[in-house]
PDB file of all heavy atoms in Angstrom:
ATOM      1  N   THR A   1     101.734 100.772 144.842  1.00  0.00           N
ATOM      2  CA  THR A   1     102.092  99.598 144.042  1.00  0.00           C
ATOM      3  C   THR A   1     103.170  98.779 144.733  1.00  0.00           C
ATOM      4  O   THR A   1     103.129  97.550 144.711  1.00  0.00           O
ATOM      5  CB  THR A   1     102.565 100.031 142.648  1.00  0.00           C
ATOM      6  OG1 THR A   1     101.548 100.832 142.048  1.00  0.00           O
ATOM      7  CG2 THR A   1     102.841  98.842 141.754  1.00  0.00           C
ATOM      8  N   LEU A   2     104.117  99.433 145.368  1.00  0.00           N
ATOM      9  CA  LEU A   2     105.140  98.737 146.136  1.00  0.00           C
ATOM     10  C   LEU A   2     104.504  97.915 147.252  1.00  0.00           C
ATOM     11  O   LEU A   2     104.850  96.757 147.455  1.00  0.00           O
ATOM     12  CB  LEU A   2     106.123  99.752 146.720  1.00  0.00           C
ATOM     13  CG  LEU A   2     107.218  99.194 147.611  1.00  0.00           C
ATOM     14  CD1 LEU A   2     108.257  98.484 146.758  1.00  0.00           C
ATOM     15  CD2 LEU A   2     107.853 100.310 148.412  1.00  0.00           C
ATOM     16  N   ALA A   3     103.529  98.511 147.951  1.00  0.00           N
ATOM     17  CA  ALA A   3     102.860  97.803 149.051  1.00  0.00           C
ATOM     18  C   ALA A   3     102.044  96.619 148.544  1.00  0.00           C
ATOM     19  O   ALA A   3     101.900  95.619 149.245  1.00  0.00           O
ATOM     20  CB  ALA A   3     101.961  98.765 149.818  1.00  0.00           C
ATOM     21  N   VAL A   4     101.529  96.701 147.318  1.00  0.00           N
ATOM     22  CA  VAL A   4     100.734  95.608 146.759  1.00  0.00           C
ATOM     23  C   VAL A   4     101.620  94.458 146.287  1.00  0.00           C
ATOM     24  O   VAL A   4     101.283  93.296 146.476  1.00  0.00           O
ATOM     25  CB  VAL A   4      99.847  96.115 145.594  1.00  0.00           C
ATOM     26  CG1 VAL A   4      99.204  94.963 144.849  1.00  0.00           C
ATOM     27  CG2 VAL A   4      98.785  97.063 146.107  1.00  0.00           C
ATOM     28  N   HIS A   5     102.765  94.765 145.702  1.00  0.00           N
ATOM     29  CA  HIS A   5     103.535  93.743 144.993  1.00  0.00           C
ATOM     30  C   HIS A   5     104.826  93.282 145.659  1.00  0.00           C
ATOM     31  O   HIS A   5     105.472  92.368 145.147  1.00  0.00           O
ATOM     32  CB  HIS A   5     103.877  94.238 143.583  1.00  0.00           C
ATOM     33  CG  HIS A   5     102.673  94.406 142.723  1.00  0.00           C
ATOM     34  ND1 HIS A   5     101.935  93.349 142.259  1.00  0.00           N
ATOM     35  CD2 HIS A   5     102.057  95.521 142.263  1.00  0.00           C
ATOM     36  CE1 HIS A   5     100.935  93.798 141.545  1.00  0.00           C
ATOM     37  NE2 HIS A   5     100.985  95.113 141.529  1.00  0.00           N
ATOM     38  N   ARG A   6     105.241  93.887 146.763  1.00  0.00           N
ATOM     39  CA  ARG A   6     106.504  93.501 147.384  1.00  0.00           C
ATOM     40  C   ARG A   6     106.309  93.167 148.856  1.00  0.00           C
ATOM     41  O   ARG A   6     105.370  93.623 149.487  1.00  0.00           O
ATOM     42  CB  ARG A   6     107.542  94.617 147.243  1.00  0.00           C
ATOM     43  CG  ARG A   6     108.016  94.815 145.810  1.00  0.00           C
ATOM     44  CD  ARG A   6     108.741  93.575 145.303  1.00  0.00           C
ATOM     45  NE  ARG A   6     109.190  93.716 143.948  1.00  0.00           N
ATOM     46  CZ  ARG A   6     108.649  93.103 142.906  1.00  0.00           C
ATOM     47  NH1 ARG A   6     107.626  92.323 143.039  1.00  0.00           N
ATOM     48  NH2 ARG A   6     109.133  93.274 141.702  1.00  0.00           N
ATOM     49  N   PRO A   7     107.237  92.384 149.431  1.00  0.00           N
ATOM     50  CA  PRO A   7     107.138  92.017 150.849  1.00  0.00           C
ATOM     51  C   PRO A   7     107.250  93.240 151.774  1.00  0.00           C
ATOM     52  O   PRO A   7     107.727  94.304 151.378  1.00  0.00           O
ATOM     53  CB  PRO A   7     108.318  91.076 151.069  1.00  0.00           C
ATOM     54  CG  PRO A   7     108.752  90.642 149.727  1.00  0.00           C
ATOM     55  CD  PRO A   7     108.354  91.708 148.764  1.00  0.00           C
ATOM     56  N   PHE A   8     106.864  93.021 153.016  1.00  0.00           N
ATOM     57  CA  PHE A   8     106.794  94.103 153.990  1.00  0.00           C
ATOM     58  C   PHE A   8     108.132  94.788 154.223  1.00  0.00           C
ATOM     59  O   PHE A   8     108.173  95.993 154.463  1.00  0.00           O
ATOM     60  CB  PHE A   8     106.232  93.573 155.324  1.00  0.00           C
ATOM     61  CG  PHE A   8     106.164  94.615 156.383  1.00  0.00           C
ATOM     62  CD1 PHE A   8     105.210  95.621 156.315  1.00  0.00           C
ATOM     63  CD2 PHE A   8     107.060  94.618 157.433  1.00  0.00           C
ATOM     64  CE1 PHE A   8     105.146  96.608 157.283  1.00  0.00           C
ATOM     65  CE2 PHE A   8     107.011  95.602 158.403  1.00  0.00           C
ATOM     66  CZ  PHE A   8     106.044  96.592 158.336  1.00  0.00           C
ATOM     67  N   ARG A   9     109.233  94.060 154.146  1.00  0.00           N
ATOM     68  CA  ARG A   9     110.535  94.686 154.433  1.00  0.00           C
ATOM     69  C   ARG A   9     110.828  95.828 153.465  1.00  0.00           C
ATOM     70  O   ARG A   9     111.390  96.842 153.855  1.00  0.00           O
ATOM     71  CB  ARG A   9     111.653  93.662 154.455  1.00  0.00           C
ATOM     72  CG  ARG A   9     111.934  92.983 153.148  1.00  0.00           C
ATOM     73  CD  ARG A   9     113.086  91.966 153.295  1.00  0.00           C
ATOM     74  NE  ARG A   9     113.334  91.312 152.051  1.00  0.00           N
ATOM     75  CZ  ARG A   9     112.759  90.174 151.678  1.00  0.00           C
ATOM     76  NH1 ARG A   9     111.915  89.582 152.476  1.00  0.00           N
ATOM     77  NH2 ARG A   9     113.042  89.639 150.511  1.00  0.00           N
ATOM     78  N   TYR A  10     110.455  95.685 152.195  1.00  0.00           N
ATOM     79  CA  TYR A  10     110.641  96.778 151.233  1.00  0.00           C
ATOM     80  C   TYR A  10     109.705  97.935 151.549  1.00  0.00           C
ATOM     81  O   TYR A  10     110.093  99.100 151.501  1.00  0.00           O
ATOM     82  CB  TYR A  10     110.383  96.292 149.806  1.00  0.00           C
ATOM     83  CG  TYR A  10     111.363  95.271 149.325  1.00  0.00           C
ATOM     84  CD1 TYR A  10     110.993  93.945 149.172  1.00  0.00           C
ATOM     85  CD2 TYR A  10     112.666  95.620 149.003  1.00  0.00           C
ATOM     86  CE1 TYR A  10     111.890  92.991 148.729  1.00  0.00           C
ATOM     87  CE2 TYR A  10     113.571  94.680 148.551  1.00  0.00           C
ATOM     88  CZ  TYR A  10     113.177  93.366 148.420  1.00  0.00           C
ATOM     89  OH  TYR A  10     114.065  92.433 147.977  1.00  0.00           O
ATOM     90  N   VAL A  11     108.462  97.588 151.851  1.00  0.00           N
ATOM     91  CA  VAL A  11     107.457  98.613 152.143  1.00  0.00           C
ATOM     92  C   VAL A  11     107.859  99.397 153.390  1.00  0.00           C
ATOM     93  O   VAL A  11     107.729 100.626 153.434  1.00  0.00           O
ATOM     94  CB  VAL A  11     106.066  97.970 152.318  1.00  0.00           C
ATOM     95  CG1 VAL A  11     105.031  99.008 152.685  1.00  0.00           C
ATOM     96  CG2 VAL A  11     105.657  97.227 151.062  1.00  0.00           C
ATOM     97  N   ALA A  12     108.354  98.702 154.411  1.00  0.00           N
ATOM     98  CA  ALA A  12     108.731  99.370 155.657  1.00  0.00           C
ATOM     99  C   ALA A  12     109.885 100.352 155.431  1.00  0.00           C
ATOM    100  O   ALA A  12     109.815 101.504 155.887  1.00  0.00           O
ATOM    101  CB  ALA A  12     109.104  98.335 156.710  1.00  0.00           C
ATOM    102  N   TRP A  13     110.917  99.925 154.743  1.00  0.00           N
ATOM    103  CA  TRP A  13     112.071 100.807 154.549  1.00  0.00           C
ATOM    104  C   TRP A  13     111.750 101.982 153.630  1.00  0.00           C
ATOM    105  O   TRP A  13     112.070 103.133 153.941  1.00  0.00           O
ATOM    106  CB  TRP A  13     113.258 100.021 153.977  1.00  0.00           C
ATOM    107  CG  TRP A  13     113.974  99.241 155.020  1.00  0.00           C
ATOM    108  CD1 TRP A  13     113.904  97.887 155.211  1.00  0.00           C
ATOM    109  CD2 TRP A  13     114.846  99.733 156.030  1.00  0.00           C
ATOM    110  NE1 TRP A  13     114.683  97.519 156.283  1.00  0.00           N
ATOM    111  CE2 TRP A  13     115.274  98.633 156.802  1.00  0.00           C
ATOM    112  CE3 TRP A  13     115.303 101.001 156.355  1.00  0.00           C
ATOM    113  CZ2 TRP A  13     116.141  98.780 157.876  1.00  0.00           C
ATOM    114  CZ3 TRP A  13     116.163 101.136 157.434  1.00  0.00           C
ATOM    115  CH2 TRP A  13     116.569 100.033 158.163  1.00  0.00           C
ATOM    116  N   ILE A  14     111.142 101.699 152.514  1.00  0.00           N
ATOM    117  CA  ILE A  14     110.881 102.765 151.547  1.00  0.00           C
ATOM    118  C   ILE A  14     109.749 103.670 152.038  1.00  0.00           C
ATOM    119  O   ILE A  14     109.824 104.894 151.937  1.00  0.00           O
ATOM    120  CB  ILE A  14     110.601 102.165 150.162  1.00  0.00           C
ATOM    121  CG1 ILE A  14     111.863 101.446 149.669  1.00  0.00           C
ATOM    122  CG2 ILE A  14     110.175 103.236 149.176  1.00  0.00           C
ATOM    123  CD1 ILE A  14     111.664 100.607 148.441  1.00  0.00           C
ATOM    124  N   GLY A  15     108.689 103.076 152.602  1.00  0.00           N
ATOM    125  CA  GLY A  15     107.607 103.884 153.159  1.00  0.00           C
ATOM    126  C   GLY A  15     108.076 104.705 154.347  1.00  0.00           C
ATOM    127  O   GLY A  15     107.650 105.849 154.538  1.00  0.00           O
ATOM    128  N   GLY A  16     108.969 104.131 155.168  1.00  0.00           N
ATOM    129  CA  GLY A  16     109.530 104.880 156.286  1.00  0.00           C
ATOM    130  C   GLY A  16     110.361 106.072 155.824  1.00  0.00           C
ATOM    131  O   GLY A  16     110.305 107.154 156.417  1.00  0.00           O
ATOM    132  N   ALA A  17     111.125 105.874 154.766  1.00  0.00           N
ATOM    133  CA  ALA A  17     111.899 106.989 154.205  1.00  0.00           C
ATOM    134  C   ALA A  17     110.968 108.071 153.668  1.00  0.00           C
ATOM    135  O   ALA A  17     111.218 109.272 153.838  1.00  0.00           O
ATOM    136  CB  ALA A  17     112.819 106.486 153.098  1.00  0.00           C
ATOM    137  N   ASP A  18     109.870 107.644 153.045  1.00  0.00           N
ATOM    138  CA  ASP A  18     108.888 108.596 152.539  1.00  0.00           C
ATOM    139  C   ASP A  18     108.289 109.415 153.685  1.00  0.00           C
ATOM    140  O   ASP A  18     108.174 110.639 153.604  1.00  0.00           O
ATOM    141  CB  ASP A  18     107.794 107.851 151.780  1.00  0.00           C
ATOM    142  CG  ASP A  18     106.818 108.776 151.079  1.00  0.00           C
ATOM    143  OD1 ASP A  18     107.203 109.909 150.742  1.00  0.00           O
ATOM    144  OD2 ASP A  18     105.675 108.355 150.853  1.00  0.00           O
ATOM    145  N   LEU A  19     107.943 108.739 154.769  1.00  0.00           N
ATOM    146  CA  LEU A  19     107.389 109.443 155.925  1.00  0.00           C
ATOM    147  C   LEU A  19     108.408 110.373 156.567  1.00  0.00           C
ATOM    148  O   LEU A  19     108.059 111.458 157.046  1.00  0.00           O
ATOM    149  CB  LEU A  19     106.878 108.450 156.960  1.00  0.00           C
ATOM    150  CG  LEU A  19     105.598 107.705 156.594  1.00  0.00           C
ATOM    151  CD1 LEU A  19     105.259 106.689 157.676  1.00  0.00           C
ATOM    152  CD2 LEU A  19     104.451 108.669 156.391  1.00  0.00           C
ATOM    153  N   ALA A  20     109.662 109.966 156.586  1.00  0.00           N
ATOM    154  CA  ALA A  20     110.698 110.802 157.186  1.00  0.00           C
ATOM    155  C   ALA A  20     110.949 112.075 156.375  1.00  0.00           C
ATOM    156  O   ALA A  20     111.354 113.103 156.931  1.00  0.00           O
ATOM    157  CB  ALA A  20     111.996 110.011 157.316  1.00  0.00           C
ATOM    158  N   LEU A  21     110.699 112.031 155.074  1.00  0.00           N
ATOM    159  CA  LEU A  21     110.933 113.198 154.222  1.00  0.00           C
ATOM    160  C   LEU A  21     109.778 114.193 154.223  1.00  0.00           C
ATOM    161  O   LEU A  21     109.945 115.324 153.764  1.00  0.00           O
ATOM    162  CB  LEU A  21     111.235 112.746 152.791  1.00  0.00           C
ATOM    163  CG  LEU A  21     112.572 112.054 152.595  1.00  0.00           C
ATOM    164  CD1 LEU A  21     112.702 111.548 151.165  1.00  0.00           C
ATOM    165  CD2 LEU A  21     113.719 112.986 152.930  1.00  0.00           C
ATOM    166  N   VAL A  22     108.616 113.801 154.724  1.00  0.00           N
ATOM    167  CA  VAL A  22     107.453 114.702 154.702  1.00  0.00           C
ATOM    168  C   VAL A  22     107.710 115.999 155.475  1.00  0.00           C
ATOM    169  O   VAL A  22     107.452 117.086 154.949  1.00  0.00           O
ATOM    170  CB  VAL A  22     106.183 113.976 155.188  1.00  0.00           C
ATOM    171  CG1 VAL A  22     105.065 114.956 155.473  1.00  0.00           C
ATOM    172  CG2 VAL A  22     105.737 112.961 154.157  1.00  0.00           C
ATOM    173  N   PRO A  23     108.225 115.956 156.711  1.00  0.00           N
ATOM    174  CA  PRO A  23     108.488 117.232 157.399  1.00  0.00           C
ATOM    175  C   PRO A  23     109.495 118.110 156.656  1.00  0.00           C
ATOM    176  O   PRO A  23     109.355 119.334 156.634  1.00  0.00           O
ATOM    177  CB  PRO A  23     109.039 116.812 158.762  1.00  0.00           C
ATOM    178  CG  PRO A  23     108.543 115.429 158.963  1.00  0.00           C
ATOM    179  CD  PRO A  23     108.468 114.815 157.594  1.00  0.00           C
ATOM    180  N   LEU A  24     110.488 117.478 156.048  1.00  0.00           N
ATOM    181  CA  LEU A  24     111.470 118.245 155.278  1.00  0.00           C
ATOM    182  C   LEU A  24     110.811 118.922 154.073  1.00  0.00           C
ATOM    183  O   LEU A  24     111.120 120.077 153.758  1.00  0.00           O
ATOM    184  CB  LEU A  24     112.606 117.322 154.826  1.00  0.00           C
ATOM    185  CG  LEU A  24     113.727 117.968 154.013  1.00  0.00           C
ATOM    186  CD1 LEU A  24     114.425 119.048 154.828  1.00  0.00           C
ATOM    187  CD2 LEU A  24     114.717 116.911 153.561  1.00  0.00           C
ATOM    188  N   LEU A  25     109.906 118.213 153.427  1.00  0.00           N
ATOM    189  CA  LEU A  25     109.203 118.782 152.278  1.00  0.00           C
ATOM    190  C   LEU A  25     108.467 120.052 152.659  1.00  0.00           C
ATOM    191  O   LEU A  25     108.577 121.080 151.980  1.00  0.00           O
ATOM    192  CB  LEU A  25     108.210 117.759 151.704  1.00  0.00           C
ATOM    193  CG  LEU A  25     107.218 118.284 150.672  1.00  0.00           C
ATOM    194  CD1 LEU A  25     107.928 118.648 149.381  1.00  0.00           C
ATOM    195  CD2 LEU A  25     106.136 117.265 150.412  1.00  0.00           C
ATOM    196  N   TYR A  26     107.717 120.010 153.755  1.00  0.00           N
ATOM    197  CA  TYR A  26     106.931 121.186 154.135  1.00  0.00           C
ATOM    198  C   TYR A  26     107.762 122.244 154.851  1.00  0.00           C
ATOM    199  O   TYR A  26     107.320 123.375 155.002  1.00  0.00           O
ATOM    200  CB  TYR A  26     105.718 120.757 154.964  1.00  0.00           C
ATOM    201  CG  TYR A  26     104.744 120.017 154.091  1.00  0.00           C
ATOM    202  CD1 TYR A  26     104.518 118.664 154.273  1.00  0.00           C
ATOM    203  CD2 TYR A  26     104.094 120.654 153.055  1.00  0.00           C
ATOM    204  CE1 TYR A  26     103.650 117.972 153.439  1.00  0.00           C
ATOM    205  CE2 TYR A  26     103.232 119.985 152.213  1.00  0.00           C
ATOM    206  CZ  TYR A  26     103.021 118.643 152.418  1.00  0.00           C
ATOM    207  OH  TYR A  26     102.171 117.969 151.594  1.00  0.00           O
ATOM    208  N   TRP A  27     108.969 121.894 155.259  1.00  0.00           N
ATOM    209  CA  TRP A  27     109.880 122.911 155.765  1.00  0.00           C
ATOM    210  C   TRP A  27     110.504 123.675 154.592  1.00  0.00           C
ATOM    211  O   TRP A  27     110.657 124.885 154.646  1.00  0.00           O
ATOM    212  CB  TRP A  27     110.962 122.250 156.617  1.00  0.00           C
ATOM    213  CG  TRP A  27     111.923 123.230 157.208  1.00  0.00           C
ATOM    214  CD1 TRP A  27     111.669 124.132 158.202  1.00  0.00           C
ATOM    215  CD2 TRP A  27     113.278 123.407 156.825  1.00  0.00           C
ATOM    216  NE1 TRP A  27     112.798 124.856 158.462  1.00  0.00           N
ATOM    217  CE2 TRP A  27     113.808 124.432 157.634  1.00  0.00           C
ATOM    218  CE3 TRP A  27     114.092 122.789 155.883  1.00  0.00           C
ATOM    219  CZ2 TRP A  27     115.117 124.850 157.516  1.00  0.00           C
ATOM    220  CZ3 TRP A  27     115.397 123.203 155.781  1.00  0.00           C
ATOM    221  CH2 TRP A  27     115.897 124.229 156.591  1.00  0.00           C
ATOM    222  N   LEU A  28     110.846 122.936 153.512  1.00  0.00           N
ATOM    223  CA  LEU A  28     111.417 123.578 152.324  1.00  0.00           C
ATOM    224  C   LEU A  28     110.369 124.353 151.524  1.00  0.00           C
ATOM    225  O   LEU A  28     110.666 125.409 150.966  1.00  0.00           O
ATOM    226  CB  LEU A  28     112.059 122.525 151.411  1.00  0.00           C
ATOM    227  CG  LEU A  28     113.302 121.831 151.925  1.00  0.00           C
ATOM    228  CD1 LEU A  28     113.717 120.714 150.978  1.00  0.00           C
ATOM    229  CD2 LEU A  28     114.439 122.840 152.083  1.00  0.00           C
ATOM    230  N   ARG A  29     109.153 123.798 151.427  1.00  0.00           N
ATOM    231  CA  ARG A  29     108.088 124.413 150.629  1.00  0.00           C
ATOM    232  C   ARG A  29     106.824 124.540 151.478  1.00  0.00           C
ATOM    233  O   ARG A  29     105.876 123.796 151.289  1.00  0.00           O
ATOM    234  CB  ARG A  29     107.808 123.559 149.405  1.00  0.00           C
ATOM    235  CG  ARG A  29     109.019 123.432 148.491  1.00  0.00           C
ATOM    236  CD  ARG A  29     108.677 122.615 147.311  1.00  0.00           C
ATOM    237  NE  ARG A  29     108.513 123.515 146.186  1.00  0.00           N
ATOM    238  CZ  ARG A  29     108.320 123.124 144.950  1.00  0.00           C
ATOM    239  NH1 ARG A  29     108.239 121.856 144.678  1.00  0.00           N
ATOM    240  NH2 ARG A  29     108.181 123.987 143.991  1.00  0.00           N
ATOM    241  N   PRO A  30     106.807 125.484 152.408  1.00  0.00           N
ATOM    242  CA  PRO A  30     105.647 125.602 153.290  1.00  0.00           C
ATOM    243  C   PRO A  30     104.428 126.162 152.561  1.00  0.00           C
ATOM    244  O   PRO A  30     104.549 126.880 151.577  1.00  0.00           O
ATOM    245  CB  PRO A  30     106.127 126.573 154.366  1.00  0.00           C
ATOM    246  CG  PRO A  30     107.170 127.393 153.697  1.00  0.00           C
ATOM    247  CD  PRO A  30     107.830 126.485 152.691  1.00  0.00           C
ATOM    248  N   TYR A  31     103.269 125.793 153.058  1.00  0.00           N
ATOM    249  CA  TYR A  31     102.028 126.390 152.584  1.00  0.00           C
ATOM    250  C   TYR A  31     101.827 127.689 153.355  1.00  0.00           C
ATOM    251  O   TYR A  31     101.862 127.688 154.588  1.00  0.00           O
ATOM    252  CB  TYR A  31     100.840 125.447 152.816  1.00  0.00           C
ATOM    253  CG  TYR A  31     100.688 124.395 151.770  1.00  0.00           C
ATOM    254  CD1 TYR A  31     101.274 123.143 151.930  1.00  0.00           C
ATOM    255  CD2 TYR A  31      99.981 124.647 150.604  1.00  0.00           C
ATOM    256  CE1 TYR A  31     101.152 122.171 150.962  1.00  0.00           C
ATOM    257  CE2 TYR A  31      99.845 123.686 149.630  1.00  0.00           C
ATOM    258  CZ  TYR A  31     100.432 122.450 149.815  1.00  0.00           C
ATOM    259  OH  TYR A  31     100.306 121.492 148.853  1.00  0.00           O
ATOM    260  N   PRO A  32     101.593 128.808 152.665  1.00  0.00           N
ATOM    261  CA  PRO A  32     101.515 130.084 153.372  1.00  0.00           C
ATOM    262  C   PRO A  32     100.270 130.212 154.270  1.00  0.00           C
ATOM    263  O   PRO A  32     100.327 130.866 155.302  1.00  0.00           O
ATOM    264  CB  PRO A  32     101.488 131.127 152.257  1.00  0.00           C
ATOM    265  CG  PRO A  32     101.124 130.389 151.021  1.00  0.00           C
ATOM    266  CD  PRO A  32     101.496 128.958 151.226  1.00  0.00           C
ATOM    267  N   ASP A  33      99.179 129.577 153.911  1.00  0.00           N
ATOM    268  CA  ASP A  33      97.927 129.752 154.651  1.00  0.00           C
ATOM    269  C   ASP A  33      97.656 128.665 155.684  1.00  0.00           C
ATOM    270  O   ASP A  33      96.713 128.794 156.455  1.00  0.00           O
ATOM    271  CB  ASP A  33      96.739 129.789 153.671  1.00  0.00           C
ATOM    272  CG  ASP A  33      96.869 130.922 152.669  1.00  0.00           C
ATOM    273  OD1 ASP A  33      97.560 131.908 152.978  1.00  0.00           O
ATOM    274  OD2 ASP A  33      96.276 130.812 151.578  1.00  0.00           O
ATOM    275  N   LEU A  34      98.433 127.599 155.678  1.00  0.00           N
ATOM    276  CA  LEU A  34      98.164 126.466 156.559  1.00  0.00           C
ATOM    277  C   LEU A  34      99.305 126.263 157.552  1.00  0.00           C
ATOM    278  O   LEU A  34     100.466 126.512 157.222  1.00  0.00           O
ATOM    279  CB  LEU A  34      97.977 125.200 155.722  1.00  0.00           C
ATOM    280  CG  LEU A  34      96.817 125.227 154.725  1.00  0.00           C
ATOM    281  CD1 LEU A  34      96.851 124.002 153.840  1.00  0.00           C
ATOM    282  CD2 LEU A  34      95.496 125.319 155.445  1.00  0.00           C
ATOM    283  N   PRO A  35      98.976 125.773 158.756  1.00  0.00           N
ATOM    284  CA  PRO A  35     100.047 125.539 159.743  1.00  0.00           C
ATOM    285  C   PRO A  35     100.925 124.360 159.343  1.00  0.00           C
ATOM    286  O   PRO A  35     100.446 123.350 158.809  1.00  0.00           O
ATOM    287  CB  PRO A  35      99.289 125.252 161.039  1.00  0.00           C
ATOM    288  CG  PRO A  35      97.946 124.791 160.611  1.00  0.00           C
ATOM    289  CD  PRO A  35      97.658 125.482 159.303  1.00  0.00           C
TER     290      PRO A  35
END
C-alpha cells in the first residue's frame, strides 16, 4: 500500500529498512529444516 500511494522516496527508505531486517529476522528465528 505504501508503494501504491506514496512517492518513491518513502518506498525506498521504508522498503530498504524492511529488506535490511530480513536477515536479522531469520537469524533470531531460524527455520530448523531450511538453510
